[in-house]
Structures are given as C-alpha cells and as structure tokens.
Amino acid sequence: MEVKAVAKNVGITPRKARLVVDLIRNKNVMEANAILRLTNKLACEAVIKVLNSAVANAENNHSLNKDNLYVKACYVNDGMRLKRMFPRAKGRGDIIIKRYCNITVVVAERE
C-alpha cells in the first residue's frame, strides 16, 4: 500500500529542492529523516514536513507500522511563478521570476 503527502507552493525553486529530494529516495523513513536533519539546505525543512505528514497519514489512516515504511517515491514539480519588477537605469525595469514548487513524498511498507 502506498501513502502520499503533497506540499503545494513551497517558496523554494524546484531545482534546489530536487537536490534534497534525491538524497532520500528509496531510503528507510528513519534514515531519510536523519539525512534531512543533517543536510545544510533550506529545502530540508519543507521536505521533513512532507515526509512526516506522509508517515502520519500511513499510521493513522491506513494502520501501517512506522518501522517498516520506506520512501518509495519523492519528486518535485513546478508550482506557481510570481513576476516582480526590479528597477534598472533610465526608468526601465527587469522582470524577476520568483519560482515555487510542489513537493510530493510517497511512502510504502517494505515487504
């Protein structure tokens, strides 16, 4: 059985979040949590929340054992983009694109 959790519109660029998510794929939940706590990246905080949410969904909604869970799949998709103006010389403006991402973590019970 697979259980997933999704965090939408997290204020981190998808490229930076994918670096963190790649570290925990196919790992045990306890090991993935330890890796995320010791990694010095801003996206780790958001990924920890999604991972804990997926584990809580598995325990409470599907009665799975926390000790047997592993990260079956985790991926980051593009979220919304905010366009902002940045003032430049001679009254011009450059467009700054603030990117957001959607983080998905799928956990399953190891057999």
PDB file of N, CA and C in Angstrom:
ATOM      1  N   MET A   1       0.833  -1.179   0.000  1.00  0.00           N
ATOM      2  CA  MET A   1       0.000   0.000   0.000  1.00  0.00           C
ATOM      3  C   MET A   1       0.879   1.244   0.000  1.00  0.00           C
ATOM      4  N   GLU A   2       0.511   2.204  -0.808  1.00  0.00           N
ATOM      5  CA  GLU A   2       1.251   3.460  -0.904  1.00  0.00           C
ATOM      6  C   GLU A   2       0.444   4.581  -0.268  1.00  0.00           C
ATOM      7  N   VAL A   3       1.149   5.442   0.439  1.00  0.00           N
ATOM      8  CA  VAL A   3       0.531   6.604   1.061  1.00  0.00           C
ATOM      9  C   VAL A   3       1.359   7.813   0.678  1.00  0.00           C
ATOM     10  N   LYS A   4       0.694   8.906   0.303  1.00  0.00           N
ATOM     11  CA  LYS A   4       1.461  10.074  -0.119  1.00  0.00           C
ATOM     12  C   LYS A   4       1.014  11.331   0.590  1.00  0.00           C
ATOM     13  N   ALA A   5       1.901  12.313   0.551  1.00  0.00           N
ATOM     14  CA  ALA A   5       1.612  13.648   1.077  1.00  0.00           C
ATOM     15  C   ALA A   5       2.195  14.655   0.102  1.00  0.00           C
ATOM     16  N   VAL A   6       1.508  15.779  -0.057  1.00  0.00           N
ATOM     17  CA  VAL A   6       1.919  16.802  -1.024  1.00  0.00           C
ATOM     18  C   VAL A   6       1.940  18.155  -0.322  1.00  0.00           C
ATOM     19  N   ALA A   7       2.991  18.922  -0.561  1.00  0.00           N
ATOM     20  CA  ALA A   7       3.066  20.313  -0.114  1.00  0.00           C
ATOM     21  C   ALA A   7       3.086  21.179  -1.365  1.00  0.00           C
ATOM     22  N   LYS A   8       2.100  22.058  -1.479  1.00  0.00           N
ATOM     23  CA  LYS A   8       1.980  22.872  -2.685  1.00  0.00           C
ATOM     24  C   LYS A   8       2.465  24.293  -2.422  1.00  0.00           C
ATOM     25  N   ASN A   9       3.052  24.876  -3.452  1.00  0.00           N
ATOM     26  CA  ASN A   9       3.514  26.265  -3.449  1.00  0.00           C
ATOM     27  C   ASN A   9       4.476  26.559  -2.301  1.00  0.00           C
ATOM     28  N   VAL A  10       5.508  25.731  -2.213  1.00  0.00           N
ATOM     29  CA  VAL A  10       6.589  25.943  -1.244  1.00  0.00           C
ATOM     30  C   VAL A  10       7.551  26.961  -1.855  1.00  0.00           C
ATOM     31  N   GLY A  11       7.978  27.918  -1.068  1.00  0.00           N
ATOM     32  CA  GLY A  11       8.749  29.037  -1.582  1.00  0.00           C
ATOM     33  C   GLY A  11      10.216  28.742  -1.851  1.00  0.00           C
ATOM     34  N   ILE A  12      10.502  27.663  -2.545  1.00  0.00           N
ATOM     35  CA  ILE A  12      11.854  27.262  -2.917  1.00  0.00           C
ATOM     36  C   ILE A  12      11.830  26.922  -4.392  1.00  0.00           C
ATOM     37  N   THR A  13      12.895  27.210  -5.090  1.00  0.00           N
ATOM     38  CA  THR A  13      12.922  26.858  -6.505  1.00  0.00           C
ATOM     39  C   THR A  13      12.975  25.337  -6.658  1.00  0.00           C
ATOM     40  N   PRO A  14      12.334  24.807  -7.691  1.00  0.00           N
ATOM     41  CA  PRO A  14      12.307  23.352  -7.860  1.00  0.00           C
ATOM     42  C   PRO A  14      13.695  22.745  -8.044  1.00  0.00           C
ATOM     43  N   ARG A  15      14.578  23.463  -8.674  1.00  0.00           N
ATOM     44  CA  ARG A  15      15.924  22.935  -8.917  1.00  0.00           C
ATOM     45  C   ARG A  15      16.671  22.703  -7.607  1.00  0.00           C
ATOM     46  N   LYS A  16      16.512  23.610  -6.660  1.00  0.00           N
ATOM     47  CA  LYS A  16      17.178  23.461  -5.361  1.00  0.00           C
ATOM     48  C   LYS A  16      16.518  22.381  -4.506  1.00  0.00           C
ATOM     49  N   ALA A  17      15.207  22.259  -4.610  1.00  0.00           N
ATOM     50  CA  ALA A  17      14.501  21.252  -3.826  1.00  0.00           C
ATOM     51  C   ALA A  17      14.796  19.842  -4.336  1.00  0.00           C
ATOM     52  N   ARG A  18      15.026  19.694  -5.640  1.00  0.00           N
ATOM     53  CA  ARG A  18      15.319  18.365  -6.200  1.00  0.00           C
ATOM     54  C   ARG A  18      16.637  17.814  -5.673  1.00  0.00           C
ATOM     55  N   LEU A  19      17.593  18.688  -5.358  1.00  0.00           N
ATOM     56  CA  LEU A  19      18.869  18.239  -4.790  1.00  0.00           C
ATOM     57  C   LEU A  19      18.644  17.522  -3.457  1.00  0.00           C
ATOM     58  N   VAL A  20      17.728  18.032  -2.662  1.00  0.00           N
ATOM     59  CA  VAL A  20      17.452  17.450  -1.347  1.00  0.00           C
ATOM     60  C   VAL A  20      16.632  16.175  -1.484  1.00  0.00           C
ATOM     61  N   VAL A  21      15.638  16.196  -2.364  1.00  0.00           N
ATOM     62  CA  VAL A  21      14.742  15.054  -2.523  1.00  0.00           C
ATOM     63  C   VAL A  21      15.497  13.845  -3.061  1.00  0.00           C
ATOM     64  N   ASP A  22      16.498  14.069  -3.891  1.00  0.00           N
ATOM     65  CA  ASP A  22      17.281  12.960  -4.445  1.00  0.00           C
ATOM     66  C   ASP A  22      18.057  12.199  -3.369  1.00  0.00           C
ATOM     67  N   LEU A  23      18.321  12.844  -2.230  1.00  0.00           N
ATOM     68  CA  LEU A  23      19.086  12.202  -1.165  1.00  0.00           C
ATOM     69  C   LEU A  23      18.301  11.118  -0.437  1.00  0.00           C
ATOM     70  N   ILE A  24      16.968  11.221  -0.414  1.00  0.00           N
ATOM     71  CA  ILE A  24      16.179  10.322   0.442  1.00  0.00           C
ATOM     72  C   ILE A  24      15.406   9.268  -0.334  1.00  0.00           C
ATOM     73  N   ARG A  25      15.489   9.264  -1.641  1.00  0.00           N
ATOM     74  CA  ARG A  25      14.714   8.307  -2.435  1.00  0.00           C
ATOM     75  C   ARG A  25      15.158   6.878  -2.134  1.00  0.00           C
ATOM     76  N   ASN A  26      14.208   5.968  -1.926  1.00  0.00           N
ATOM     77  CA  ASN A  26      14.421   4.541  -1.624  1.00  0.00           C
ATOM     78  C   ASN A  26      15.134   4.293  -0.295  1.00  0.00           C
ATOM     79  N   LYS A  27      15.057   5.218   0.632  1.00  0.00           N
ATOM     80  CA  LYS A  27      15.659   5.047   1.953  1.00  0.00           C
ATOM     81  C   LYS A  27      14.565   4.709   2.965  1.00  0.00           C
ATOM     82  N   ASN A  28      14.980   4.132   4.072  1.00  0.00           N
ATOM     83  CA  ASN A  28      14.093   3.894   5.194  1.00  0.00           C
ATOM     84  C   ASN A  28      13.646   5.246   5.754  1.00  0.00           C
ATOM     85  N   VAL A  29      12.466   5.321   6.354  1.00  0.00           N
ATOM     86  CA  VAL A  29      11.935   6.597   6.821  1.00  0.00           C
ATOM     87  C   VAL A  29      12.806   7.195   7.917  1.00  0.00           C
ATOM     88  N   MET A  30      13.265   6.366   8.838  1.00  0.00           N
ATOM     89  CA  MET A  30      14.124   6.869   9.914  1.00  0.00           C
ATOM     90  C   MET A  30      15.462   7.377   9.365  1.00  0.00           C
ATOM     91  N   GLU A  31      16.010   6.641   8.414  1.00  0.00           N
ATOM     92  CA  GLU A  31      17.277   7.050   7.800  1.00  0.00           C
ATOM     93  C   GLU A  31      17.093   8.336   6.990  1.00  0.00           C
ATOM     94  N   ALA A  32      15.985   8.447   6.273  1.00  0.00           N
ATOM     95  CA  ALA A  32      15.708   9.647   5.480  1.00  0.00           C
ATOM     96  C   ALA A  32      15.544  10.863   6.385  1.00  0.00           C
ATOM     97  N   ASN A  33      14.886  10.678   7.511  1.00  0.00           N
ATOM     98  CA  ASN A  33      14.704  11.774   8.455  1.00  0.00           C
ATOM     99  C   ASN A  33      16.046  12.238   9.018  1.00  0.00           C
ATOM    100  N   ALA A  34      16.939  11.295   9.317  1.00  0.00           N
ATOM    101  CA  ALA A  34      18.270  11.647   9.834  1.00  0.00           C
ATOM    102  C   ALA A  34      19.093  12.373   8.775  1.00  0.00           C
ATOM    103  N   ILE A  35      19.007  11.923   7.527  1.00  0.00           N
ATOM    104  CA  ILE A  35      19.739  12.581   6.438  1.00  0.00           C
ATOM    105  C   ILE A  35      19.269  14.015   6.272  1.00  0.00           C
ATOM    106  N   LEU A  36      17.964  14.223   6.318  1.00  0.00           N
ATOM    107  CA  LEU A  36      17.417  15.563   6.132  1.00  0.00           C
ATOM    108  C   LEU A  36      17.789  16.490   7.280  1.00  0.00           C
ATOM    109  N   ARG A  37      17.811  15.956   8.509  1.00  0.00           N
ATOM    110  CA  ARG A  37      18.173  16.805   9.639  1.00  0.00           C
ATOM    111  C   ARG A  37      19.629  17.241   9.590  1.00  0.00           C
ATOM    112  N   LEU A  38      20.500  16.421   8.983  1.00  0.00           N
ATOM    113  CA  LEU A  38      21.926  16.742   8.954  1.00  0.00           C
ATOM    114  C   LEU A  38      22.367  17.444   7.673  1.00  0.00           C
ATOM    115  N   THR A  39      21.471  17.631   6.727  1.00  0.00           N
ATOM    116  CA  THR A  39      21.817  18.307   5.476  1.00  0.00           C
ATOM    117  C   THR A  39      21.580  19.797   5.633  1.00  0.00           C
ATOM    118  N   ASN A  40      22.547  20.577   5.176  1.00  0.00           N
ATOM    119  CA  ASN A  40      22.504  22.023   5.349  1.00  0.00           C
ATOM    120  C   ASN A  40      21.925  22.696   4.097  1.00  0.00           C
ATOM    121  N   LYS A  41      20.628  22.508   3.871  1.00  0.00           N
ATOM    122  CA  LYS A  41      19.931  23.128   2.745  1.00  0.00           C
ATOM    123  C   LYS A  41      18.610  23.686   3.255  1.00  0.00           C
ATOM    124  N   LEU A  42      18.140  24.754   2.632  1.00  0.00           N
ATOM    125  CA  LEU A  42      16.893  25.381   3.051  1.00  0.00           C
ATOM    126  C   LEU A  42      15.692  24.490   2.765  1.00  0.00           C
ATOM    127  N   ALA A  43      15.757  23.713   1.702  1.00  0.00           N
ATOM    128  CA  ALA A  43      14.628  22.871   1.306  1.00  0.00           C
ATOM    129  C   ALA A  43      14.408  21.705   2.264  1.00  0.00           C
ATOM    130  N   CYS A  44      15.381  21.379   3.092  1.00  0.00           N
ATOM    131  CA  CYS A  44      15.249  20.243   4.014  1.00  0.00           C
ATOM    132  C   CYS A  44      14.086  20.425   4.971  1.00  0.00           C
ATOM    133  N   GLU A  45      13.854  21.635   5.404  1.00  0.00           N
ATOM    134  CA  GLU A  45      12.777  21.895   6.359  1.00  0.00           C
ATOM    135  C   GLU A  45      11.418  21.550   5.747  1.00  0.00           C
ATOM    136  N   ALA A  46      11.200  21.930   4.508  1.00  0.00           N
ATOM    137  CA  ALA A  46       9.928  21.644   3.843  1.00  0.00           C
ATOM    138  C   ALA A  46       9.782  20.157   3.549  1.00  0.00           C
ATOM    139  N   VAL A  47      10.873  19.503   3.160  1.00  0.00           N
ATOM    140  CA  VAL A  47      10.810  18.075   2.833  1.00  0.00           C
ATOM    141  C   VAL A  47      10.568  17.249   4.099  1.00  0.00           C
ATOM    142  N   ILE A  48      11.138  17.659   5.234  1.00  0.00           N
ATOM    143  CA  ILE A  48      10.892  16.968   6.501  1.00  0.00           C
ATOM    144  C   ILE A  48       9.415  17.025   6.866  1.00  0.00           C
ATOM    145  N   LYS A  49       8.790  18.182   6.668  1.00  0.00           N
ATOM    146  CA  LYS A  49       7.372  18.319   6.976  1.00  0.00           C
ATOM    147  C   LYS A  49       6.518  17.403   6.111  1.00  0.00           C
ATOM    148  N   VAL A  50       6.850  17.318   4.817  1.00  0.00           N
ATOM    149  CA  VAL A  50       6.069  16.467   3.921  1.00  0.00           C
ATOM    150  C   VAL A  50       6.294  14.996   4.268  1.00  0.00           C
ATOM    151  N   LEU A  51       7.535  14.632   4.584  1.00  0.00           N
ATOM    152  CA  LEU A  51       7.841  13.246   4.957  1.00  0.00           C
ATOM    153  C   LEU A  51       7.094  12.852   6.234  1.00  0.00           C
ATOM    154  N   ASN A  52       7.111  13.722   7.243  1.00  0.00           N
ATOM    155  CA  ASN A  52       6.399  13.431   8.486  1.00  0.00           C
ATOM    156  C   ASN A  52       4.892  13.349   8.259  1.00  0.00           C
ATOM    157  N   SER A  53       4.380  14.158   7.357  1.00  0.00           N
ATOM    158  CA  SER A  53       2.961  14.109   7.039  1.00  0.00           C
ATOM    159  C   SER A  53       2.587  12.799   6.356  1.00  0.00           C
ATOM    160  N   ALA A  54       3.430  12.330   5.458  1.00  0.00           N
ATOM    161  CA  ALA A  54       3.167  11.058   4.780  1.00  0.00           C
ATOM    162  C   ALA A  54       3.210   9.898   5.775  1.00  0.00           C
ATOM    163  N   VAL A  55       4.153   9.929   6.704  1.00  0.00           N
ATOM    164  CA  VAL A  55       4.253   8.879   7.720  1.00  0.00           C
ATOM    165  C   VAL A  55       3.029   8.916   8.634  1.00  0.00           C
ATOM    166  N   ALA A  56       2.580  10.111   9.013  1.00  0.00           N
ATOM    167  CA  ALA A  56       1.395  10.234   9.861  1.00  0.00           C
ATOM    168  C   ALA A  56       0.144   9.745   9.125  1.00  0.00           C
ATOM    169  N   ASN A  57       0.053  10.024   7.832  1.00  0.00           N
ATOM    170  CA  ASN A  57      -1.076   9.515   7.048  1.00  0.00           C
ATOM    171  C   ASN A  57      -1.067   7.986   7.011  1.00  0.00           C
ATOM    172  N   ALA A  58       0.116   7.414   6.867  1.00  0.00           N
ATOM    173  CA  ALA A  58       0.223   5.952   6.814  1.00  0.00           C
ATOM    174  C   ALA A  58      -0.160   5.319   8.144  1.00  0.00           C
ATOM    175  N   GLU A  59       0.271   5.919   9.242  1.00  0.00           N
ATOM    176  CA  GLU A  59      -0.023   5.360  10.563  1.00  0.00           C
ATOM    177  C   GLU A  59      -1.497   5.505  10.930  1.00  0.00           C
ATOM    178  N   ASN A  60      -2.033   6.714  10.753  1.00  0.00           N
ATOM    179  CA  ASN A  60      -3.376   6.992  11.258  1.00  0.00           C
ATOM    180  C   ASN A  60      -4.489   6.555  10.306  1.00  0.00           C
ATOM    181  N   ASN A  61      -4.294   6.743   9.005  1.00  0.00           N
ATOM    182  CA  ASN A  61      -5.371   6.452   8.060  1.00  0.00           C
ATOM    183  C   ASN A  61      -5.345   5.026   7.533  1.00  0.00           C
ATOM    184  N   HIS A  62      -4.144   4.415   7.483  1.00  0.00           N
ATOM    185  CA  HIS A  62      -4.030   3.092   6.874  1.00  0.00           C
ATOM    186  C   HIS A  62      -3.471   2.032   7.831  1.00  0.00           C
ATOM    187  N   SER A  63      -3.206   2.401   9.059  1.00  0.00           N
ATOM    188  CA  SER A  63      -2.738   1.476  10.113  1.00  0.00           C
ATOM    189  C   SER A  63      -1.475   0.723   9.716  1.00  0.00           C
ATOM    190  N   LEU A  64      -0.525   1.428   9.140  1.00  0.00           N
ATOM    191  CA  LEU A  64       0.759   0.818   8.784  1.00  0.00           C
ATOM    192  C   LEU A  64       1.758   1.042   9.905  1.00  0.00           C
ATOM    193  N   ASN A  65       2.746   0.169  10.005  1.00  0.00           N
ATOM    194  CA  ASN A  65       3.780   0.270  11.028  1.00  0.00           C
ATOM    195  C   ASN A  65       4.859   1.246  10.577  1.00  0.00           C
ATOM    196  N   LYS A  66       5.192   2.177  11.439  1.00  0.00           N
ATOM    197  CA  LYS A  66       6.177   3.217  11.100  1.00  0.00           C
ATOM    198  C   LYS A  66       7.567   2.633  10.844  1.00  0.00           C
ATOM    199  N   ASP A  67       7.910   1.547  11.543  1.00  0.00           N
ATOM    200  CA  ASP A  67       9.243   0.961  11.424  1.00  0.00           C
ATOM    201  C   ASP A  67       9.466   0.276  10.077  1.00  0.00           C
ATOM    202  N   ASN A  68       8.400  -0.147   9.400  1.00  0.00           N
ATOM    203  CA  ASN A  68       8.536  -0.849   8.121  1.00  0.00           C
ATOM    204  C   ASN A  68       8.404   0.054   6.904  1.00  0.00           C
ATOM    205  N   LEU A  69       8.222   1.359   7.120  1.00  0.00           N
ATOM    206  CA  LEU A  69       7.994   2.269   5.994  1.00  0.00           C
ATOM    207  C   LEU A  69       9.309   2.709   5.358  1.00  0.00           C
ATOM    208  N   TYR A  70       9.256   2.925   4.046  1.00  0.00           N
ATOM    209  CA  TYR A  70      10.383   3.496   3.317  1.00  0.00           C
ATOM    210  C   TYR A  70       9.855   4.483   2.288  1.00  0.00           C
ATOM    211  N   VAL A  71      10.736   5.342   1.800  1.00  0.00           N
ATOM    212  CA  VAL A  71      10.359   6.354   0.816  1.00  0.00           C
ATOM    213  C   VAL A  71      10.363   5.693  -0.554  1.00  0.00           C
ATOM    214  N   LYS A  72       9.196   5.396  -1.055  1.00  0.00           N
ATOM    215  CA  LYS A  72       9.090   4.701  -2.339  1.00  0.00           C
ATOM    216  C   LYS A  72       9.344   5.655  -3.494  1.00  0.00           C
ATOM    217  N   ALA A  73       8.794   6.847  -3.422  1.00  0.00           N
ATOM    218  CA  ALA A  73       8.990   7.843  -4.476  1.00  0.00           C
ATOM    219  C   ALA A  73       8.913   9.220  -3.852  1.00  0.00           C
ATOM    220  N   CYS A  74       9.689  10.124  -4.389  1.00  0.00           N
ATOM    221  CA  CYS A  74       9.599  11.521  -3.991  1.00  0.00           C
ATOM    222  C   CYS A  74      10.040  12.365  -5.177  1.00  0.00           C
ATOM    223  N   TYR A  75       9.286  13.393  -5.444  1.00  0.00           N
ATOM    224  CA  TYR A  75       9.596  14.228  -6.597  1.00  0.00           C
ATOM    225  C   TYR A  75       9.133  15.655  -6.350  1.00  0.00           C
ATOM    226  N   VAL A  76       9.681  16.556  -7.165  1.00  0.00           N
ATOM    227  CA  VAL A  76       9.387  17.973  -7.053  1.00  0.00           C
ATOM    228  C   VAL A  76       8.920  18.460  -8.419  1.00  0.00           C
ATOM    229  N   ASN A  77       7.761  19.096  -8.460  1.00  0.00           N
ATOM    230  CA  ASN A  77       7.225  19.677  -9.682  1.00  0.00           C
ATOM    231  C   ASN A  77       7.182  21.191  -9.563  1.00  0.00           C
ATOM    232  N   ASP A  78       7.078  21.847 -10.711  1.00  0.00           N
ATOM    233  CA  ASP A  78       6.960  23.303 -10.713  1.00  0.00           C
ATOM    234  C   ASP A  78       5.640  23.729 -10.102  1.00  0.00           C
ATOM    235  N   GLY A  79       5.687  24.784  -9.321  1.00  0.00           N
ATOM    236  CA  GLY A  79       4.485  25.390  -8.777  1.00  0.00           C
ATOM    237  C   GLY A  79       4.202  26.678  -9.521  1.00  0.00           C
ATOM    238  N   MET A  80       3.586  27.610  -8.839  1.00  0.00           N
ATOM    239  CA  MET A  80       3.279  28.880  -9.493  1.00  0.00           C
ATOM    240  C   MET A  80       4.530  29.739  -9.590  1.00  0.00           C
ATOM    241  N   ARG A  81       4.441  30.781 -10.417  1.00  0.00           N
ATOM    242  CA  ARG A  81       5.547  31.719 -10.575  1.00  0.00           C
ATOM    243  C   ARG A  81       5.027  33.127 -10.385  1.00  0.00           C
ATOM    244  N   LEU A  82       5.705  33.880  -9.552  1.00  0.00           N
ATOM    245  CA  LEU A  82       5.344  35.276  -9.346  1.00  0.00           C
ATOM    246  C   LEU A  82       6.301  36.143 -10.144  1.00  0.00           C
ATOM    247  N   LYS A  83       5.756  37.108 -10.870  1.00  0.00           N
ATOM    248  CA  LYS A  83       6.600  38.024 -11.635  1.00  0.00           C
ATOM    249  C   LYS A  83       6.649  39.354 -10.898  1.00  0.00           C
ATOM    250  N   ARG A  84       7.853  39.833 -10.662  1.00  0.00           N
ATOM    251  CA  ARG A  84       8.078  41.087  -9.963  1.00  0.00           C
ATOM    252  C   ARG A  84       8.981  41.977 -10.795  1.00  0.00           C
ATOM    253  N   MET A  85       8.850  43.267 -10.599  1.00  0.00           N
ATOM    254  CA  MET A  85       9.686  44.218 -11.338  1.00  0.00           C
ATOM    255  C   MET A  85      10.836  44.669 -10.449  1.00  0.00           C
ATOM    256  N   PHE A  86      12.000  44.788 -11.079  1.00  0.00           N
ATOM    257  CA  PHE A  86      13.204  45.244 -10.402  1.00  0.00           C
ATOM    258  C   PHE A  86      13.671  46.509 -11.119  1.00  0.00           C
ATOM    259  N   PRO A  87      13.798  47.630 -10.428  1.00  0.00           N
ATOM    260  CA  PRO A  87      14.143  48.874 -11.118  1.00  0.00           C
ATOM    261  C   PRO A  87      15.571  48.862 -11.662  1.00  0.00           C
ATOM    262  N   ARG A  88      15.713  49.383 -12.875  1.00  0.00           N
ATOM    263  CA  ARG A  88      17.018  49.483 -13.535  1.00  0.00           C
ATOM    264  C   ARG A  88      17.244  50.943 -13.952  1.00  0.00           C
ATOM    265  N   ALA A  89      18.329  51.169 -14.640  1.00  0.00           N
ATOM    266  CA  ALA A  89      18.690  52.520 -15.051  1.00  0.00           C
ATOM    267  C   ALA A  89      17.728  53.047 -16.128  1.00  0.00           C
ATOM    268  N   LYS A  90      17.619  54.370 -16.198  1.00  0.00           N
ATOM    269  CA  LYS A  90      16.829  55.089 -17.209  1.00  0.00           C
ATOM    270  C   LYS A  90      15.341  54.742 -17.150  1.00  0.00           C
ATOM    271  N   GLY A  91      14.837  54.441 -15.966  1.00  0.00           N
ATOM    272  CA  GLY A  91      13.419  54.195 -15.803  1.00  0.00           C
ATOM    273  C   GLY A  91      12.934  52.850 -16.284  1.00  0.00           C
ATOM    274  N   ARG A  92      13.832  51.971 -16.609  1.00  0.00           N
ATOM    275  CA  ARG A  92      13.429  50.648 -17.078  1.00  0.00           C
ATOM    276  C   ARG A  92      13.210  49.712 -15.891  1.00  0.00           C
ATOM    277  N   GLY A  93      12.709  48.551 -16.200  1.00  0.00           N
ATOM    278  CA  GLY A  93      12.525  47.555 -15.154  1.00  0.00           C
ATOM    279  C   GLY A  93      12.793  46.169 -15.693  1.00  0.00           C
ATOM    280  N   ASP A  94      13.450  45.348 -14.899  1.00  0.00           N
ATOM    281  CA  ASP A  94      13.674  43.947 -15.257  1.00  0.00           C
ATOM    282  C   ASP A  94      12.647  43.093 -14.531  1.00  0.00           C
ATOM    283  N   ILE A  95      12.291  41.982 -15.141  1.00  0.00           N
ATOM    284  CA  ILE A  95      11.338  41.068 -14.526  1.00  0.00           C
ATOM    285  C   ILE A  95      12.099  40.027 -13.709  1.00  0.00           C
ATOM    286  N   ILE A  96      11.733  39.918 -12.442  1.00  0.00           N
ATOM    287  CA  ILE A  96      12.264  38.883 -11.565  1.00  0.00           C
ATOM    288  C   ILE A  96      11.176  37.813 -11.446  1.00  0.00           C
ATOM    289  N   ILE A  97      11.514  36.557 -11.692  1.00  0.00           N
ATOM    290  CA  ILE A  97      10.550  35.476 -11.578  1.00  0.00           C
ATOM    291  C   ILE A  97      10.847  34.698 -10.300  1.00  0.00           C
ATOM    292  N   LYS A  98       9.889  34.744  -9.367  1.00  0.00           N
ATOM    293  CA  LYS A  98      10.031  34.003  -8.115  1.00  0.00           C
ATOM    294  C   LYS A  98       9.335  32.663  -8.295  1.00  0.00           C
ATOM    295  N   ARG A  99      10.119  31.591  -8.265  1.00  0.00           N
ATOM    296  CA  ARG A  99       9.582  30.258  -8.537  1.00  0.00           C
ATOM    297  C   ARG A  99       9.191  29.538  -7.254  1.00  0.00           C
ATOM    298  N   TYR A 100       8.124  28.775  -7.343  1.00  0.00           N
ATOM    299  CA  TYR A 100       7.638  27.949  -6.255  1.00  0.00           C
ATOM    300  C   TYR A 100       7.591  26.504  -6.730  1.00  0.00           C
ATOM    301  N   CYS A 101       7.456  25.570  -5.791  1.00  0.00           N
ATOM    302  CA  CYS A 101       7.445  24.160  -6.180  1.00  0.00           C
ATOM    303  C   CYS A 101       6.410  23.383  -5.380  1.00  0.00           C
ATOM    304  N   ASN A 102       6.046  22.225  -5.911  1.00  0.00           N
ATOM    305  CA  ASN A 102       5.167  21.275  -5.239  1.00  0.00           C
ATOM    306  C   ASN A 102       5.993  20.038  -4.904  1.00  0.00           C
ATOM    307  N   ILE A 103       6.041  19.678  -3.624  1.00  0.00           N
ATOM    308  CA  ILE A 103       6.841  18.537  -3.171  1.00  0.00           C
ATOM    309  C   ILE A 103       5.909  17.380  -2.844  1.00  0.00           C
ATOM    310  N   THR A 104       6.188  16.199  -3.414  1.00  0.00           N
ATOM    311  CA  THR A 104       5.377  15.006  -3.177  1.00  0.00           C
ATOM    312  C   THR A 104       6.269  13.895  -2.634  1.00  0.00           C
ATOM    313  N   VAL A 105       5.828  13.258  -1.562  1.00  0.00           N
ATOM    314  CA  VAL A 105       6.543  12.132  -0.966  1.00  0.00           C
ATOM    315  C   VAL A 105       5.575  10.950  -0.864  1.00  0.00           C
ATOM    316  N   VAL A 106       5.983   9.808  -1.394  1.00  0.00           N
ATOM    317  CA  VAL A 106       5.169   8.594  -1.333  1.00  0.00           C
ATOM    318  C   VAL A 106       5.931   7.579  -0.483  1.00  0.00           C
ATOM    319  N   VAL A 107       5.272   7.083   0.564  1.00  0.00           N
ATOM    320  CA  VAL A 107       5.876   6.060   1.419  1.00  0.00           C
ATOM    321  C   VAL A 107       5.080   4.766   1.257  1.00  0.00           C
ATOM    322  N   ALA A 108       5.775   3.646   1.431  1.00  0.00           N
ATOM    323  CA  ALA A 108       5.140   2.328   1.336  1.00  0.00           C
ATOM    324  C   ALA A 108       5.758   1.417   2.380  1.00  0.00           C
ATOM    325  N   GLU A 109       5.079   0.321   2.632  1.00  0.00           N
ATOM    326  CA  GLU A 109       5.568  -0.644   3.614  1.00  0.00           C
ATOM    327  C   GLU A 109       6.478  -1.653   2.923  1.00  0.00           C
ATOM    328  N   ARG A 110       7.653  -1.840   3.491  1.00  0.00           N
ATOM    329  CA  ARG A 110       8.616  -2.775   2.919  1.00  0.00           C
ATOM    330  C   ARG A 110       8.201  -4.199   3.250  1.00  0.00           C
ATOM    331  N   GLU A 111       8.303  -5.070   2.248  1.00  0.00           N
ATOM    332  CA  GLU A 111       7.854  -6.448   2.436  1.00  0.00           C
ATOM    333  C   GLU A 111       9.008  -7.399   2.614  1.00  0.00           C
TER     334      GLU A 111
END
